[in-house]
Each structure stands twice: as structure tokens, then as C-alpha cells.
């Protein structure tokens, strides 16, 4: 693994049932409603879109995403990304006690030139930035589910 490669694994414990959590996570175009760091998601068609996100550091990342797996029975969502990040991301949603665990896994190579240039000295900051983004997403999703905003 090179300095521009990242692997992330984050688990979110949620009190909502797995089917409800999966239903929210599969509507990526609505992420900006509950995930502050996801600035925009523009749906292009049934399987692809564009996303922009920014966490604590003063830069915004832009990616094109294409769904490669949408499996409601297994509750797995997976995308391939290109743009400022090249790689994949996957949600796996499973029951855990009375609630749910949503596992987020990601494997990417940073393609943005400045981030590549700063790969060595910036690595701890980039990893911390990702942790802050995931923390913001967890808080936002808990609030979104708790307020019933996801119900249609």
C-alpha cells in the first residue's frame, strides 16, 4: 500500500431496524440532508452520480460514483469511485440486538494533485479528517432517524 492509498473501516451503532437504515443509505442523493460533510450528490441515472464532500480541512473532494452492488436481501451497497478519489466504498447493514450496525468500508487512492504532493506529511491529517467526517455522518444519521425525517 502506497502513501496515497487509504483503507477505512467504521461501524455505526444505530437504534433503528436494519431495513430502515438500509433504505436511508441506499438513497445517496439524500445524504446532504443528514450528513453535513456531504455537500452535494447529483444523481445522473439509476446507477451513477456525482458527489462533493468536505470535512474539517480546507479542501473539497469531488467524485463520480457508480453502483456496482445493491443487494437489499444481504443489505449491501457498494460503489466504484473516480475523480479526486479512485476506488470503492461499501455499506453492509446488519441487525445487532434491538438495532443495527452499519459497517462502512472504503479502499481508495487519492488522485488530487495537492493531496498526493502532501501524502507523507499530510497523512495523519487526512486520516483525522476522515474520522471527523464519519463522526458527523453518524450524528446526522442518528438525528435523521430519530426525528423520523427518513419516513416517506
N, C-alpha and C. Protein backbone atom coordinates (compact mmCIF):
# COMPACT_ATOMS: atom_id res chain seq x y z
N UNK A 1 0.86 -1.18 0.00
CA UNK A 1 0.00 0.00 0.00
C UNK A 1 0.90 1.24 0.00
N UNK A 2 0.65 2.16 -0.91
CA UNK A 2 1.45 3.37 -1.02
C UNK A 2 0.92 4.49 -0.13
N UNK A 3 1.65 5.58 -0.10
CA UNK A 3 1.28 6.73 0.73
C UNK A 3 -0.03 7.39 0.28
N UNK A 4 -0.42 7.18 -0.95
CA UNK A 4 -1.65 7.80 -1.46
C UNK A 4 -2.85 6.86 -1.37
N UNK A 5 -2.65 5.67 -0.80
CA UNK A 5 -3.72 4.68 -0.64
C UNK A 5 -4.25 4.72 0.78
N UNK A 6 -5.55 4.58 0.89
CA UNK A 6 -6.21 4.58 2.20
C UNK A 6 -7.22 3.44 2.28
N UNK A 7 -7.28 2.84 3.45
CA UNK A 7 -8.30 1.84 3.76
C UNK A 7 -8.98 2.29 5.05
N UNK A 8 -10.30 2.33 5.00
CA UNK A 8 -11.06 2.76 6.17
C UNK A 8 -12.10 1.71 6.52
N UNK A 9 -12.38 1.60 7.80
CA UNK A 9 -13.43 0.69 8.30
C UNK A 9 -14.06 1.36 9.51
N UNK A 10 -15.35 1.63 9.42
CA UNK A 10 -16.05 2.31 10.51
C UNK A 10 -17.38 1.60 10.75
N UNK A 11 -17.72 1.38 12.01
CA UNK A 11 -19.01 0.81 12.36
C UNK A 11 -19.86 1.85 13.06
N UNK A 12 -21.11 1.95 12.63
CA UNK A 12 -22.07 2.84 13.26
C UNK A 12 -23.13 2.00 13.96
N UNK A 13 -23.31 2.20 15.26
CA UNK A 13 -24.38 1.56 16.01
C UNK A 13 -25.60 2.47 15.99
N UNK A 14 -26.72 1.94 15.52
CA UNK A 14 -27.94 2.72 15.37
C UNK A 14 -29.11 1.99 16.03
N UNK A 15 -30.07 2.74 16.55
CA UNK A 15 -31.20 2.11 17.23
C UNK A 15 -32.34 1.74 16.29
N UNK A 16 -32.29 2.16 15.06
CA UNK A 16 -33.35 1.85 14.08
C UNK A 16 -33.16 0.43 13.53
N UNK A 17 -34.23 -0.16 13.02
CA UNK A 17 -34.11 -1.50 12.43
C UNK A 17 -33.29 -1.49 11.13
N UNK A 18 -32.65 -2.62 10.81
CA UNK A 18 -31.77 -2.70 9.64
C UNK A 18 -32.45 -2.29 8.33
N UNK A 19 -33.67 -2.69 8.10
CA UNK A 19 -34.34 -2.35 6.83
C UNK A 19 -34.48 -0.84 6.69
N UNK A 20 -34.76 -0.17 7.79
CA UNK A 20 -34.91 1.29 7.75
C UNK A 20 -33.57 1.98 7.48
N UNK A 21 -32.51 1.50 8.13
CA UNK A 21 -31.18 2.07 7.92
C UNK A 21 -30.74 1.84 6.47
N UNK A 22 -30.93 0.62 5.97
CA UNK A 22 -30.56 0.32 4.59
C UNK A 22 -31.31 1.25 3.62
N UNK A 23 -32.60 1.45 3.86
CA UNK A 23 -33.40 2.30 2.97
C UNK A 23 -32.85 3.72 2.92
N UNK A 24 -32.37 4.24 4.04
CA UNK A 24 -31.79 5.59 4.05
C UNK A 24 -30.44 5.59 3.33
N UNK A 25 -29.61 4.60 3.61
CA UNK A 25 -28.28 4.56 3.00
C UNK A 25 -28.32 4.34 1.49
N UNK A 26 -29.36 3.69 1.00
CA UNK A 26 -29.42 3.46 -0.45
C UNK A 26 -29.86 4.70 -1.21
N UNK A 27 -30.35 5.73 -0.53
CA UNK A 27 -30.76 6.98 -1.19
C UNK A 27 -29.62 8.02 -1.05
N UNK A 28 -28.54 7.77 -1.77
CA UNK A 28 -27.35 8.61 -1.65
C UNK A 28 -27.63 10.07 -1.98
N UNK A 29 -28.56 10.33 -2.89
CA UNK A 29 -28.86 11.72 -3.26
C UNK A 29 -29.43 12.51 -2.09
N UNK A 30 -29.86 11.82 -1.03
CA UNK A 30 -30.39 12.50 0.16
C UNK A 30 -29.36 12.63 1.28
N UNK A 31 -28.15 12.13 1.10
CA UNK A 31 -27.13 12.24 2.14
C UNK A 31 -26.93 13.68 2.62
N UNK A 32 -26.91 14.68 1.74
CA UNK A 32 -26.69 16.05 2.23
C UNK A 32 -27.76 16.52 3.23
N UNK A 33 -28.92 15.87 3.26
CA UNK A 33 -29.97 16.24 4.22
C UNK A 33 -29.57 15.91 5.65
N UNK A 34 -28.75 14.88 5.83
CA UNK A 34 -28.40 14.45 7.18
C UNK A 34 -26.89 14.37 7.45
N UNK A 35 -26.07 14.38 6.40
CA UNK A 35 -24.62 14.27 6.58
C UNK A 35 -23.98 15.59 6.19
N UNK A 36 -23.64 16.43 7.16
CA UNK A 36 -23.16 17.79 6.87
C UNK A 36 -21.95 17.85 5.95
N UNK A 37 -21.07 16.88 6.01
CA UNK A 37 -19.86 16.92 5.21
C UNK A 37 -20.09 16.50 3.75
N UNK A 38 -21.22 15.89 3.47
CA UNK A 38 -21.57 15.56 2.09
C UNK A 38 -22.30 16.78 1.54
N UNK A 39 -21.60 17.57 0.75
CA UNK A 39 -22.14 18.86 0.31
C UNK A 39 -23.20 18.71 -0.78
N UNK A 40 -22.92 17.89 -1.80
CA UNK A 40 -23.90 17.67 -2.86
C UNK A 40 -23.78 16.24 -3.38
N UNK A 41 -24.90 15.72 -3.80
CA UNK A 41 -24.95 14.46 -4.55
C UNK A 41 -25.92 14.70 -5.69
N UNK A 42 -25.43 14.55 -6.90
CA UNK A 42 -26.26 14.75 -8.08
C UNK A 42 -26.42 13.40 -8.78
N UNK A 43 -27.64 12.95 -8.84
CA UNK A 43 -27.94 11.68 -9.49
C UNK A 43 -27.89 11.87 -11.00
N UNK A 44 -27.15 11.02 -11.70
CA UNK A 44 -27.08 11.08 -13.15
C UNK A 44 -28.05 10.10 -13.81
N UNK A 45 -28.17 8.92 -13.21
CA UNK A 45 -29.13 7.90 -13.69
C UNK A 45 -29.36 6.93 -12.55
N UNK A 46 -29.89 5.75 -12.83
CA UNK A 46 -30.22 4.80 -11.77
C UNK A 46 -29.01 4.22 -11.04
N UNK A 47 -27.83 4.30 -11.66
CA UNK A 47 -26.66 3.68 -11.03
C UNK A 47 -25.46 4.60 -10.86
N UNK A 48 -25.58 5.86 -11.24
CA UNK A 48 -24.39 6.72 -11.12
C UNK A 48 -24.75 8.14 -10.70
N UNK A 49 -23.73 8.83 -10.20
CA UNK A 49 -23.92 10.20 -9.77
C UNK A 49 -22.60 10.88 -9.49
N UNK A 50 -22.70 12.13 -9.12
CA UNK A 50 -21.54 12.95 -8.75
C UNK A 50 -21.72 13.40 -7.31
N UNK A 51 -20.63 13.41 -6.56
CA UNK A 51 -20.69 13.83 -5.16
C UNK A 51 -19.53 14.76 -4.84
N UNK A 52 -19.81 15.70 -3.93
CA UNK A 52 -18.79 16.62 -3.42
C UNK A 52 -18.89 16.58 -1.91
N UNK A 53 -17.73 16.48 -1.25
CA UNK A 53 -17.73 16.49 0.21
C UNK A 53 -16.52 17.22 0.75
N UNK A 54 -16.72 17.71 1.96
CA UNK A 54 -15.68 18.46 2.65
C UNK A 54 -15.87 18.27 4.14
N UNK A 55 -14.78 18.00 4.83
CA UNK A 55 -14.83 17.83 6.27
C UNK A 55 -14.14 19.02 6.93
N UNK A 56 -13.20 18.79 7.82
CA UNK A 56 -12.57 19.88 8.57
C UNK A 56 -11.47 20.60 7.80
N UNK A 57 -10.73 19.88 6.98
CA UNK A 57 -9.64 20.50 6.23
C UNK A 57 -10.19 21.37 5.11
N UNK A 58 -9.45 22.40 4.71
CA UNK A 58 -9.97 23.37 3.73
C UNK A 58 -9.84 22.92 2.27
N UNK A 59 -10.42 21.78 1.97
CA UNK A 59 -10.49 21.34 0.58
C UNK A 59 -11.76 20.52 0.39
N UNK A 60 -12.24 20.51 -0.82
CA UNK A 60 -13.43 19.74 -1.17
C UNK A 60 -13.01 18.66 -2.15
N UNK A 61 -13.55 17.47 -1.98
CA UNK A 61 -13.28 16.37 -2.89
C UNK A 61 -14.49 16.16 -3.79
N UNK A 62 -14.24 15.82 -5.05
CA UNK A 62 -15.31 15.55 -6.00
C UNK A 62 -15.07 14.17 -6.60
N UNK A 63 -16.13 13.36 -6.64
CA UNK A 63 -16.02 12.03 -7.22
C UNK A 63 -17.23 11.73 -8.10
N UNK A 64 -17.00 10.87 -9.06
CA UNK A 64 -18.07 10.23 -9.81
C UNK A 64 -18.24 8.86 -9.18
N UNK A 65 -19.46 8.47 -8.94
CA UNK A 65 -19.72 7.17 -8.31
C UNK A 65 -20.67 6.36 -9.18
N UNK A 66 -20.41 5.05 -9.18
CA UNK A 66 -21.26 4.13 -9.93
C UNK A 66 -21.57 2.94 -9.04
N UNK A 67 -22.85 2.64 -8.87
CA UNK A 67 -23.25 1.49 -8.06
C UNK A 67 -22.81 0.21 -8.75
N UNK A 68 -22.17 -0.67 -7.99
CA UNK A 68 -21.80 -1.98 -8.53
C UNK A 68 -22.51 -3.10 -7.80
N UNK A 69 -23.07 -2.78 -6.63
CA UNK A 69 -23.86 -3.77 -5.90
C UNK A 69 -24.93 -3.06 -5.09
N UNK A 70 -26.14 -3.48 -5.29
CA UNK A 70 -27.27 -3.00 -4.49
C UNK A 70 -28.08 -4.25 -4.17
N UNK A 71 -27.88 -4.77 -2.96
CA UNK A 71 -28.46 -6.06 -2.57
C UNK A 71 -29.30 -5.90 -1.31
N UNK A 72 -30.60 -5.64 -1.47
CA UNK A 72 -31.46 -5.45 -0.29
C UNK A 72 -31.55 -6.69 0.60
N UNK A 73 -31.48 -7.88 0.03
CA UNK A 73 -31.58 -9.10 0.84
C UNK A 73 -30.38 -9.22 1.77
N UNK A 74 -29.18 -8.97 1.25
CA UNK A 74 -27.97 -9.03 2.07
C UNK A 74 -27.69 -7.70 2.76
N UNK A 75 -28.44 -6.66 2.36
CA UNK A 75 -28.26 -5.28 2.86
C UNK A 75 -26.84 -4.78 2.62
N UNK A 76 -26.40 -4.89 1.37
CA UNK A 76 -25.08 -4.43 0.97
C UNK A 76 -25.23 -3.43 -0.17
N UNK A 77 -24.51 -2.32 -0.04
CA UNK A 77 -24.44 -1.29 -1.08
C UNK A 77 -22.97 -1.05 -1.37
N UNK A 78 -22.59 -1.08 -2.66
CA UNK A 78 -21.19 -0.85 -3.00
C UNK A 78 -21.11 0.02 -4.24
N UNK A 79 -20.13 0.93 -4.20
CA UNK A 79 -19.89 1.81 -5.34
C UNK A 79 -18.43 1.75 -5.76
N UNK A 80 -18.18 2.15 -6.99
CA UNK A 80 -16.85 2.42 -7.50
C UNK A 80 -16.76 3.92 -7.69
N UNK A 81 -15.61 4.49 -7.39
CA UNK A 81 -15.42 5.94 -7.47
C UNK A 81 -14.26 6.28 -8.38
N UNK A 82 -14.36 7.45 -9.01
CA UNK A 82 -13.24 8.02 -9.76
C UNK A 82 -13.30 9.53 -9.56
N UNK A 83 -12.21 10.18 -9.86
CA UNK A 83 -12.12 11.62 -9.64
C UNK A 83 -11.01 11.90 -8.65
N UNK A 84 -11.30 12.72 -7.64
CA UNK A 84 -10.28 13.02 -6.62
C UNK A 84 -9.90 11.78 -5.82
N UNK A 85 -10.81 10.81 -5.75
CA UNK A 85 -10.55 9.52 -5.12
C UNK A 85 -10.86 8.43 -6.14
N UNK A 86 -10.01 7.43 -6.20
CA UNK A 86 -10.20 6.30 -7.11
C UNK A 86 -10.29 5.05 -6.26
N UNK A 87 -11.41 4.32 -6.37
CA UNK A 87 -11.52 3.11 -5.57
C UNK A 87 -12.96 2.70 -5.34
N UNK A 88 -13.25 2.24 -4.16
CA UNK A 88 -14.56 1.69 -3.85
C UNK A 88 -14.97 2.06 -2.42
N UNK A 89 -16.27 1.96 -2.18
CA UNK A 89 -16.83 2.12 -0.83
C UNK A 89 -18.01 1.16 -0.71
N UNK A 90 -18.22 0.64 0.50
CA UNK A 90 -19.28 -0.34 0.71
C UNK A 90 -19.93 -0.17 2.08
N UNK A 91 -21.26 -0.21 2.09
CA UNK A 91 -22.05 -0.28 3.32
C UNK A 91 -22.55 -1.72 3.46
N UNK A 92 -22.44 -2.27 4.67
CA UNK A 92 -23.05 -3.56 5.00
C UNK A 92 -23.87 -3.32 6.26
N UNK A 93 -25.17 -3.54 6.16
CA UNK A 93 -26.09 -3.25 7.26
C UNK A 93 -26.56 -4.57 7.85
N UNK A 94 -26.44 -4.70 9.19
CA UNK A 94 -26.87 -5.95 9.83
C UNK A 94 -27.53 -5.66 11.17
N UNK A 95 -28.40 -6.57 11.55
CA UNK A 95 -29.07 -6.46 12.84
C UNK A 95 -28.04 -6.67 13.94
N UNK A 96 -28.24 -5.93 15.02
CA UNK A 96 -27.38 -6.08 16.19
C UNK A 96 -28.24 -5.77 17.41
N UNK A 97 -28.61 -6.82 18.15
CA UNK A 97 -29.52 -6.63 19.28
C UNK A 97 -30.82 -6.03 18.78
N UNK A 98 -31.33 -5.03 19.47
CA UNK A 98 -32.58 -4.41 19.03
C UNK A 98 -32.40 -3.38 17.90
N UNK A 99 -31.16 -3.15 17.50
CA UNK A 99 -30.90 -2.12 16.50
C UNK A 99 -30.10 -2.64 15.32
N UNK A 100 -29.15 -1.82 14.89
CA UNK A 100 -28.42 -2.08 13.66
C UNK A 100 -26.97 -1.65 13.79
N UNK A 101 -26.11 -2.36 13.10
CA UNK A 101 -24.74 -1.89 12.87
C UNK A 101 -24.60 -1.68 11.37
N UNK A 102 -24.16 -0.49 11.00
CA UNK A 102 -23.87 -0.17 9.60
C UNK A 102 -22.35 -0.12 9.49
N UNK A 103 -21.79 -1.05 8.74
CA UNK A 103 -20.34 -1.12 8.54
C UNK A 103 -19.99 -0.40 7.25
N UNK A 104 -19.09 0.59 7.35
CA UNK A 104 -18.61 1.32 6.19
C UNK A 104 -17.17 0.91 5.94
N UNK A 105 -16.88 0.46 4.72
CA UNK A 105 -15.53 0.10 4.33
C UNK A 105 -15.19 0.86 3.06
N UNK A 106 -13.94 1.27 2.96
CA UNK A 106 -13.52 2.05 1.80
C UNK A 106 -12.06 1.74 1.50
N UNK A 107 -11.76 1.62 0.21
CA UNK A 107 -10.39 1.48 -0.25
C UNK A 107 -10.20 2.44 -1.41
N UNK A 108 -9.34 3.45 -1.23
CA UNK A 108 -9.18 4.47 -2.26
C UNK A 108 -7.72 4.87 -2.43
N UNK A 109 -7.45 5.40 -3.60
CA UNK A 109 -6.18 6.07 -3.87
C UNK A 109 -6.52 7.53 -4.10
N UNK A 110 -5.80 8.41 -3.41
CA UNK A 110 -6.01 9.84 -3.59
C UNK A 110 -5.42 10.24 -4.95
N UNK A 111 -6.24 10.92 -5.75
CA UNK A 111 -5.80 11.33 -7.08
C UNK A 111 -5.59 12.84 -7.18
N UNK A 112 -6.12 13.58 -6.23
CA UNK A 112 -6.00 15.03 -6.25
C UNK A 112 -4.52 15.41 -6.13
N UNK A 113 -3.99 16.21 -7.06
CA UNK A 113 -2.54 16.50 -7.08
C UNK A 113 -1.98 17.06 -5.78
N UNK A 114 -2.64 18.02 -5.16
CA UNK A 114 -2.10 18.60 -3.93
C UNK A 114 -2.05 17.56 -2.80
N UNK A 115 -3.06 16.72 -2.70
CA UNK A 115 -3.07 15.69 -1.67
C UNK A 115 -1.98 14.65 -1.92
N UNK A 116 -1.69 14.38 -3.17
CA UNK A 116 -0.60 13.46 -3.49
C UNK A 116 0.74 14.07 -3.10
N UNK A 117 0.90 15.36 -3.37
CA UNK A 117 2.12 16.07 -3.03
C UNK A 117 2.34 16.07 -1.51
N UNK A 118 1.26 16.20 -0.76
CA UNK A 118 1.33 16.25 0.70
C UNK A 118 1.10 14.89 1.36
N UNK A 119 1.21 13.82 0.58
CA UNK A 119 0.86 12.48 1.06
C UNK A 119 1.57 12.09 2.36
N UNK A 120 2.85 12.33 2.45
CA UNK A 120 3.59 11.89 3.64
C UNK A 120 3.30 12.79 4.84
N UNK A 121 3.56 14.10 4.75
CA UNK A 121 3.30 14.92 5.95
C UNK A 121 1.81 15.07 6.26
N UNK A 122 0.95 14.94 5.26
CA UNK A 122 -0.47 15.16 5.47
C UNK A 122 -1.26 13.94 5.89
N UNK A 123 -0.65 12.75 5.78
CA UNK A 123 -1.40 11.51 6.05
C UNK A 123 -2.14 11.51 7.38
N UNK A 124 -1.53 11.87 8.51
CA UNK A 124 -2.28 11.86 9.77
C UNK A 124 -3.47 12.84 9.75
N UNK A 125 -3.31 13.95 9.07
CA UNK A 125 -4.39 14.94 8.98
C UNK A 125 -5.52 14.44 8.09
N UNK A 126 -5.16 13.77 6.99
CA UNK A 126 -6.18 13.23 6.09
C UNK A 126 -6.98 12.13 6.79
N UNK A 127 -6.29 11.30 7.57
CA UNK A 127 -7.00 10.24 8.30
C UNK A 127 -7.90 10.84 9.39
N UNK A 128 -7.41 11.84 10.09
CA UNK A 128 -8.23 12.52 11.11
C UNK A 128 -9.44 13.20 10.46
N UNK A 129 -9.24 13.79 9.29
CA UNK A 129 -10.31 14.44 8.57
C UNK A 129 -11.42 13.44 8.22
N UNK A 130 -11.00 12.24 7.81
CA UNK A 130 -11.97 11.19 7.51
C UNK A 130 -12.74 10.79 8.77
N UNK A 131 -12.04 10.63 9.89
CA UNK A 131 -12.72 10.27 11.15
C UNK A 131 -13.75 11.32 11.53
N UNK A 132 -13.41 12.59 11.38
CA UNK A 132 -14.36 13.67 11.69
C UNK A 132 -15.57 13.61 10.76
N UNK A 133 -15.33 13.32 9.50
CA UNK A 133 -16.44 13.21 8.55
C UNK A 133 -17.36 12.06 8.95
N UNK A 134 -16.80 10.94 9.32
CA UNK A 134 -17.63 9.78 9.71
C UNK A 134 -18.37 10.07 11.00
N UNK A 135 -17.75 10.76 11.93
CA UNK A 135 -18.42 11.12 13.18
C UNK A 135 -19.61 12.03 12.89
N UNK A 136 -19.42 13.00 11.98
CA UNK A 136 -20.53 13.89 11.59
C UNK A 136 -21.66 13.13 10.92
N UNK A 137 -21.31 12.13 10.10
CA UNK A 137 -22.34 11.32 9.45
C UNK A 137 -23.13 10.50 10.44
N UNK A 138 -22.46 9.92 11.42
CA UNK A 138 -23.15 9.12 12.43
C UNK A 138 -24.11 10.00 13.23
N UNK A 139 -23.65 11.14 13.69
CA UNK A 139 -24.53 12.05 14.44
C UNK A 139 -25.73 12.47 13.59
N UNK A 140 -25.47 12.82 12.33
CA UNK A 140 -26.54 13.25 11.45
C UNK A 140 -27.55 12.16 11.18
N UNK A 141 -27.07 10.94 10.95
CA UNK A 141 -27.99 9.84 10.67
C UNK A 141 -28.81 9.49 11.90
N UNK A 142 -28.20 9.49 13.07
CA UNK A 142 -28.97 9.23 14.30
C UNK A 142 -30.07 10.27 14.49
N UNK A 143 -29.75 11.52 14.25
CA UNK A 143 -30.74 12.59 14.37
C UNK A 143 -31.84 12.42 13.32
N UNK A 144 -31.45 12.15 12.10
CA UNK A 144 -32.38 11.97 10.97
C UNK A 144 -33.36 10.83 11.25
N UNK A 145 -32.83 9.70 11.70
CA UNK A 145 -33.69 8.55 12.02
C UNK A 145 -34.54 8.83 13.26
N UNK A 146 -33.94 9.46 14.26
CA UNK A 146 -34.66 9.75 15.50
C UNK A 146 -35.80 10.72 15.33
N UNK A 147 -35.68 11.62 14.38
CA UNK A 147 -36.74 12.59 14.12
C UNK A 147 -37.76 12.11 13.11
N UNK A 148 -37.56 10.88 12.60
CA UNK A 148 -38.49 10.35 11.62
C UNK A 148 -38.44 11.05 10.28
N UNK A 149 -37.36 11.76 9.98
CA UNK A 149 -37.26 12.50 8.74
C UNK A 149 -37.10 11.59 7.53
N UNK A 150 -36.70 10.34 7.77
CA UNK A 150 -36.49 9.41 6.66
C UNK A 150 -37.78 8.73 6.20
N UNK A 151 -38.83 8.85 6.98
CA UNK A 151 -40.07 8.13 6.65
C UNK A 151 -40.81 8.83 5.53
N UNK A 152 -41.29 8.04 4.62
CA UNK A 152 -42.00 8.58 3.45
C UNK A 152 -43.43 8.17 3.48
